[in-house]
Amino acid sequence: MPAPNREQWLNIANGFYTKYNFPLCLGAIDGKHIRTIKPNKSGSLYYNYKGYFSLILLAVTDCDGKFIVADVGSCGSNNDGDIFQRSVFGRQLISELNIPTKGTIPQTYQVAIYVCI
């Protein structure tokens, strides 16, 4: 799944503003545990706080719930923050993605940063 380019990021942010009146939003991030059987010789690595073995899906969606970025396969014992930092998207976010950094809040002259929720 290719990462959005700068124009696509701006379109995503415009979608959040148009649909939800939420300016400068580049996406919604969430994680989901996918139940699995215990992998051989994995110990408690895939055992999550909910009491079962899982893989984690971490995804970013646009305002319509369409996937922009997805990372699948982290161990169930990991938390969302660790998974995000180690994901391709998390690493690219810091240096490689052409994400707009600041914009003007519509109908104001106030400059603010773009966010993910």
N, C-alpha and C. Protein backbone atom coordinates (compact mmCIF):
# COMPACT_ATOMS: atom_id res chain seq x y z
N MET A 1 0.85 -1.16 0.00
CA MET A 1 0.00 0.00 0.00
C MET A 1 0.91 1.24 0.00
N PRO A 2 0.91 1.99 -1.07
CA PRO A 2 1.79 3.17 -1.13
C PRO A 2 1.29 4.28 -0.20
N ALA A 3 2.22 4.97 0.42
CA ALA A 3 1.86 6.09 1.29
C ALA A 3 1.35 7.25 0.44
N PRO A 4 0.42 8.03 0.97
CA PRO A 4 -0.09 9.18 0.23
C PRO A 4 1.01 10.21 -0.06
N ASN A 5 0.84 10.93 -1.16
CA ASN A 5 1.74 12.03 -1.45
C ASN A 5 1.18 13.30 -0.79
N ARG A 6 1.89 14.40 -0.92
CA ARG A 6 1.48 15.64 -0.24
C ARG A 6 0.06 16.07 -0.63
N GLU A 7 -0.26 16.02 -1.90
CA GLU A 7 -1.59 16.42 -2.35
C GLU A 7 -2.67 15.52 -1.76
N GLN A 8 -2.40 14.22 -1.70
CA GLN A 8 -3.36 13.29 -1.11
C GLN A 8 -3.55 13.55 0.38
N TRP A 9 -2.45 13.85 1.10
CA TRP A 9 -2.58 14.20 2.53
C TRP A 9 -3.49 15.42 2.70
N LEU A 10 -3.30 16.42 1.86
CA LEU A 10 -4.13 17.62 1.95
C LEU A 10 -5.59 17.31 1.64
N ASN A 11 -5.84 16.41 0.69
CA ASN A 11 -7.21 15.99 0.39
C ASN A 11 -7.83 15.23 1.56
N ILE A 12 -7.03 14.40 2.23
CA ILE A 12 -7.51 13.68 3.41
C ILE A 12 -7.90 14.67 4.50
N ALA A 13 -7.04 15.65 4.74
CA ALA A 13 -7.33 16.67 5.75
C ALA A 13 -8.59 17.46 5.39
N ASN A 14 -8.75 17.78 4.12
CA ASN A 14 -9.95 18.49 3.68
C ASN A 14 -11.19 17.64 3.91
N GLY A 15 -11.08 16.33 3.71
CA GLY A 15 -12.20 15.43 3.95
C GLY A 15 -12.64 15.43 5.41
N PHE A 16 -11.68 15.41 6.34
CA PHE A 16 -12.02 15.46 7.76
C PHE A 16 -12.69 16.79 8.11
N TYR A 17 -12.22 17.87 7.50
CA TYR A 17 -12.83 19.17 7.78
C TYR A 17 -14.24 19.24 7.20
N THR A 18 -14.40 18.79 5.97
CA THR A 18 -15.71 18.85 5.30
C THR A 18 -16.73 17.96 6.00
N LYS A 19 -16.33 16.75 6.34
CA LYS A 19 -17.27 15.77 6.89
C LYS A 19 -17.51 15.95 8.39
N TYR A 20 -16.45 16.29 9.14
CA TYR A 20 -16.56 16.32 10.61
C TYR A 20 -16.24 17.68 11.23
N ASN A 21 -15.96 18.68 10.40
CA ASN A 21 -15.59 20.01 10.88
C ASN A 21 -14.35 19.92 11.78
N PHE A 22 -13.43 19.04 11.43
CA PHE A 22 -12.18 18.84 12.17
C PHE A 22 -11.04 19.26 11.26
N PRO A 23 -10.49 20.46 11.46
CA PRO A 23 -9.44 20.94 10.56
C PRO A 23 -8.09 20.29 10.81
N LEU A 24 -7.29 20.21 9.76
CA LEU A 24 -5.89 19.79 9.80
C LEU A 24 -5.69 18.37 10.34
N CYS A 25 -6.63 17.49 10.07
CA CYS A 25 -6.54 16.10 10.52
C CYS A 25 -6.11 15.21 9.35
N LEU A 26 -5.03 14.47 9.53
CA LEU A 26 -4.48 13.62 8.47
C LEU A 26 -4.92 12.17 8.55
N GLY A 27 -5.65 11.80 9.59
CA GLY A 27 -6.12 10.43 9.68
C GLY A 27 -6.49 10.03 11.10
N ALA A 28 -7.16 8.90 11.20
CA ALA A 28 -7.53 8.31 12.49
C ALA A 28 -6.74 7.02 12.66
N ILE A 29 -6.05 6.88 13.79
CA ILE A 29 -5.19 5.72 14.05
C ILE A 29 -5.84 4.85 15.12
N ASP A 30 -5.81 3.54 14.91
CA ASP A 30 -6.27 2.62 15.95
C ASP A 30 -5.61 1.26 15.75
N GLY A 31 -5.63 0.48 16.81
CA GLY A 31 -5.09 -0.87 16.77
C GLY A 31 -6.17 -1.88 17.12
N LYS A 32 -6.04 -3.08 16.60
CA LYS A 32 -7.03 -4.14 16.83
C LYS A 32 -6.29 -5.46 17.01
N HIS A 33 -6.67 -6.19 18.06
CA HIS A 33 -6.10 -7.53 18.28
C HIS A 33 -6.84 -8.53 17.39
N ILE A 34 -6.09 -9.30 16.63
CA ILE A 34 -6.64 -10.36 15.79
C ILE A 34 -6.32 -11.68 16.48
N ARG A 35 -7.36 -12.38 16.93
CA ARG A 35 -7.16 -13.64 17.67
C ARG A 35 -6.45 -14.66 16.78
N THR A 36 -5.50 -15.38 17.37
CA THR A 36 -4.74 -16.40 16.66
C THR A 36 -4.43 -17.55 17.61
N ILE A 37 -3.93 -18.64 17.08
CA ILE A 37 -3.47 -19.72 17.95
C ILE A 37 -2.03 -19.42 18.35
N LYS A 38 -1.60 -19.96 19.46
CA LYS A 38 -0.26 -19.70 19.97
C LYS A 38 0.78 -20.24 18.99
N PRO A 39 1.65 -19.38 18.47
CA PRO A 39 2.73 -19.86 17.60
C PRO A 39 3.69 -20.75 18.39
N ASN A 40 4.24 -21.76 17.75
CA ASN A 40 5.19 -22.66 18.40
C ASN A 40 6.38 -21.90 18.97
N LYS A 41 6.78 -22.29 20.15
CA LYS A 41 7.97 -21.75 20.82
C LYS A 41 7.94 -20.23 20.98
N SER A 42 6.76 -19.64 21.13
CA SER A 42 6.65 -18.19 21.27
C SER A 42 6.48 -17.75 22.72
N GLY A 43 6.31 -18.69 23.64
CA GLY A 43 6.10 -18.31 25.03
C GLY A 43 4.88 -17.43 25.17
N SER A 44 5.05 -16.31 25.87
CA SER A 44 3.92 -15.40 26.07
C SER A 44 3.97 -14.19 25.14
N LEU A 45 4.83 -14.24 24.14
CA LEU A 45 5.03 -13.11 23.23
C LEU A 45 3.74 -12.64 22.57
N TYR A 46 2.88 -13.56 22.19
CA TYR A 46 1.64 -13.20 21.49
C TYR A 46 0.44 -13.14 22.43
N TYR A 47 0.66 -13.35 23.73
CA TYR A 47 -0.43 -13.35 24.70
C TYR A 47 -0.72 -11.91 25.11
N ASN A 48 -1.96 -11.46 24.92
CA ASN A 48 -2.28 -10.06 25.18
C ASN A 48 -2.97 -9.86 26.53
N TYR A 49 -3.18 -8.60 26.87
CA TYR A 49 -3.81 -8.25 28.15
C TYR A 49 -5.27 -8.66 28.22
N LYS A 50 -5.86 -9.02 27.09
CA LYS A 50 -7.26 -9.45 27.07
C LYS A 50 -7.40 -10.93 27.39
N GLY A 51 -6.27 -11.63 27.47
CA GLY A 51 -6.30 -13.02 27.88
C GLY A 51 -6.31 -14.04 26.76
N TYR A 52 -5.86 -13.65 25.56
CA TYR A 52 -5.76 -14.61 24.46
C TYR A 52 -4.57 -14.26 23.58
N PHE A 53 -4.21 -15.16 22.69
CA PHE A 53 -3.09 -14.94 21.77
C PHE A 53 -3.57 -14.13 20.57
N SER A 54 -2.75 -13.18 20.15
CA SER A 54 -3.18 -12.32 19.04
C SER A 54 -2.01 -11.72 18.29
N LEU A 55 -2.33 -11.29 17.08
CA LEU A 55 -1.50 -10.40 16.27
C LEU A 55 -2.18 -9.05 16.32
N ILE A 56 -1.44 -7.99 16.06
CA ILE A 56 -2.06 -6.67 16.12
C ILE A 56 -2.07 -6.03 14.74
N LEU A 57 -3.23 -5.49 14.39
CA LEU A 57 -3.40 -4.67 13.19
C LEU A 57 -3.41 -3.23 13.67
N LEU A 58 -2.49 -2.43 13.18
CA LEU A 58 -2.46 -1.00 13.47
C LEU A 58 -2.71 -0.30 12.15
N ALA A 59 -3.70 0.58 12.11
CA ALA A 59 -4.07 1.19 10.83
C ALA A 59 -4.41 2.66 10.99
N VAL A 60 -4.24 3.38 9.89
CA VAL A 60 -4.66 4.78 9.78
C VAL A 60 -5.71 4.83 8.68
N THR A 61 -6.83 5.49 8.96
CA THR A 61 -7.89 5.61 7.96
C THR A 61 -8.18 7.07 7.65
N ASP A 62 -8.81 7.28 6.49
CA ASP A 62 -9.26 8.62 6.14
C ASP A 62 -10.63 8.87 6.75
N CYS A 63 -11.27 9.97 6.39
CA CYS A 63 -12.56 10.33 6.98
C CYS A 63 -13.69 9.38 6.60
N ASP A 64 -13.49 8.58 5.58
CA ASP A 64 -14.51 7.60 5.16
C ASP A 64 -14.21 6.20 5.69
N GLY A 65 -13.19 6.06 6.52
CA GLY A 65 -12.83 4.76 7.08
C GLY A 65 -12.01 3.90 6.13
N LYS A 66 -11.52 4.48 5.05
CA LYS A 66 -10.68 3.73 4.11
C LYS A 66 -9.24 3.72 4.62
N PHE A 67 -8.60 2.55 4.52
CA PHE A 67 -7.22 2.43 4.99
C PHE A 67 -6.28 3.29 4.17
N ILE A 68 -5.45 4.05 4.87
CA ILE A 68 -4.38 4.82 4.25
C ILE A 68 -3.07 4.05 4.44
N VAL A 69 -2.88 3.56 5.65
CA VAL A 69 -1.68 2.83 6.04
C VAL A 69 -2.09 1.70 6.97
N ALA A 70 -1.46 0.53 6.86
CA ALA A 70 -1.76 -0.58 7.77
C ALA A 70 -0.47 -1.32 8.09
N ASP A 71 -0.37 -1.77 9.33
CA ASP A 71 0.76 -2.58 9.79
C ASP A 71 0.16 -3.78 10.51
N VAL A 72 0.45 -4.99 10.03
CA VAL A 72 -0.13 -6.21 10.60
C VAL A 72 0.99 -7.15 11.01
N GLY A 73 0.82 -7.81 12.14
CA GLY A 73 1.73 -8.87 12.50
C GLY A 73 2.51 -8.68 13.78
N SER A 74 2.36 -7.54 14.45
CA SER A 74 3.07 -7.36 15.71
C SER A 74 2.50 -8.30 16.77
N CYS A 75 3.33 -8.66 17.71
CA CYS A 75 2.93 -9.58 18.78
C CYS A 75 1.86 -8.95 19.67
N GLY A 76 0.92 -9.76 20.10
CA GLY A 76 -0.18 -9.29 20.93
C GLY A 76 0.22 -8.67 22.25
N SER A 77 1.42 -8.98 22.75
CA SER A 77 1.86 -8.42 24.03
C SER A 77 2.37 -6.99 23.89
N ASN A 78 2.58 -6.51 22.68
CA ASN A 78 3.06 -5.14 22.46
C ASN A 78 1.94 -4.13 22.62
N ASN A 79 2.30 -2.89 22.96
CA ASN A 79 1.27 -1.84 23.03
C ASN A 79 1.28 -1.00 21.76
N ASP A 80 0.22 -0.23 21.56
CA ASP A 80 0.05 0.55 20.34
C ASP A 80 1.22 1.50 20.08
N GLY A 81 1.72 2.14 21.14
CA GLY A 81 2.82 3.09 20.97
C GLY A 81 4.08 2.43 20.46
N ASP A 82 4.42 1.27 21.03
CA ASP A 82 5.60 0.53 20.56
C ASP A 82 5.43 0.09 19.11
N ILE A 83 4.25 -0.42 18.80
CA ILE A 83 3.99 -0.90 17.45
C ILE A 83 4.09 0.25 16.46
N PHE A 84 3.51 1.39 16.82
CA PHE A 84 3.55 2.56 15.94
C PHE A 84 4.99 3.00 15.69
N GLN A 85 5.79 3.08 16.75
CA GLN A 85 7.19 3.50 16.60
C GLN A 85 7.98 2.57 15.69
N ARG A 86 7.70 1.28 15.78
CA ARG A 86 8.46 0.29 15.01
C ARG A 86 7.90 0.05 13.61
N SER A 87 6.70 0.52 13.35
CA SER A 87 6.07 0.28 12.05
C SER A 87 6.78 1.07 10.96
N VAL A 88 6.61 0.63 9.75
CA VAL A 88 7.18 1.36 8.60
C VAL A 88 6.61 2.77 8.58
N PHE A 89 5.30 2.90 8.78
CA PHE A 89 4.67 4.22 8.77
C PHE A 89 5.23 5.10 9.88
N GLY A 90 5.37 4.57 11.08
CA GLY A 90 5.90 5.34 12.20
C GLY A 90 7.30 5.86 11.93
N ARG A 91 8.14 5.01 11.36
CA ARG A 91 9.51 5.43 11.04
C ARG A 91 9.51 6.44 9.89
N GLN A 92 8.68 6.21 8.88
CA GLN A 92 8.63 7.13 7.74
C GLN A 92 8.04 8.47 8.12
N LEU A 93 7.13 8.47 9.07
CA LEU A 93 6.46 9.70 9.48
C LEU A 93 7.46 10.76 9.90
N ILE A 94 8.51 10.32 10.55
CA ILE A 94 9.51 11.24 11.06
C ILE A 94 10.37 11.84 9.95
N SER A 95 10.68 11.06 8.93
CA SER A 95 11.68 11.55 7.98
C SER A 95 11.30 11.51 6.51
N GLU A 96 10.52 10.53 6.09
CA GLU A 96 10.40 10.30 4.66
C GLU A 96 9.08 10.74 4.03
N LEU A 97 8.00 10.74 4.78
CA LEU A 97 6.71 11.04 4.18
C LEU A 97 6.57 12.53 3.94
N ASN A 98 5.93 12.86 2.87
CA ASN A 98 5.75 14.26 2.49
C ASN A 98 4.47 14.81 3.15
N ILE A 99 4.47 14.80 4.47
CA ILE A 99 3.29 15.24 5.22
C ILE A 99 3.39 16.74 5.47
N PRO A 100 2.31 17.46 5.22
CA PRO A 100 2.32 18.88 5.56
C PRO A 100 2.47 19.05 7.07
N THR A 101 3.26 20.01 7.50
CA THR A 101 3.50 20.18 8.93
C THR A 101 2.59 21.22 9.56
N LYS A 102 2.36 22.32 8.88
CA LYS A 102 1.51 23.38 9.43
C LYS A 102 0.52 23.84 8.38
N GLY A 103 -0.61 24.30 8.86
CA GLY A 103 -1.64 24.84 7.98
C GLY A 103 -2.43 25.90 8.73
N THR A 104 -3.30 26.55 8.02
CA THR A 104 -4.14 27.57 8.62
C THR A 104 -5.51 26.98 8.91
N ILE A 105 -5.99 27.19 10.12
CA ILE A 105 -7.33 26.72 10.47
C ILE A 105 -8.32 27.51 9.63
N PRO A 106 -9.22 26.82 8.92
CA PRO A 106 -10.17 27.50 8.04
C PRO A 106 -10.96 28.59 8.78
N GLN A 107 -11.21 29.66 8.08
CA GLN A 107 -11.97 30.82 8.56
C GLN A 107 -11.26 31.58 9.68
N THR A 108 -9.95 31.34 9.82
CA THR A 108 -9.15 32.09 10.79
C THR A 108 -7.80 32.37 10.14
N TYR A 109 -6.99 33.09 10.86
CA TYR A 109 -5.61 33.30 10.43
C TYR A 109 -4.65 32.52 11.32
N GLN A 110 -5.19 31.63 12.14
CA GLN A 110 -4.40 30.89 13.10
C GLN A 110 -3.69 29.71 12.44
N VAL A 111 -2.37 29.66 12.61
CA VAL A 111 -1.56 28.57 12.08
C VAL A 111 -1.48 27.48 13.14
N ALA A 112 -1.63 26.23 12.71
CA ALA A 112 -1.56 25.09 13.63
C ALA A 112 -0.91 23.92 12.91
N ILE A 113 -0.55 22.90 13.67
CA ILE A 113 0.05 21.71 13.08
C ILE A 113 -1.04 20.74 12.63
N TYR A 114 -0.71 19.90 11.66
CA TYR A 114 -1.59 18.81 11.25
C TYR A 114 -1.49 17.71 12.30
N VAL A 115 -2.58 16.98 12.49
CA VAL A 115 -2.62 15.93 13.52
C VAL A 115 -3.24 14.65 12.97
N CYS A 116 -2.99 13.56 13.67
CA CYS A 116 -3.72 12.31 13.50
C CYS A 116 -4.44 12.07 14.82
N ILE A 117 -5.65 11.56 14.72
CA ILE A 117 -6.42 11.31 15.95
C ILE A 117 -6.53 9.83 16.22
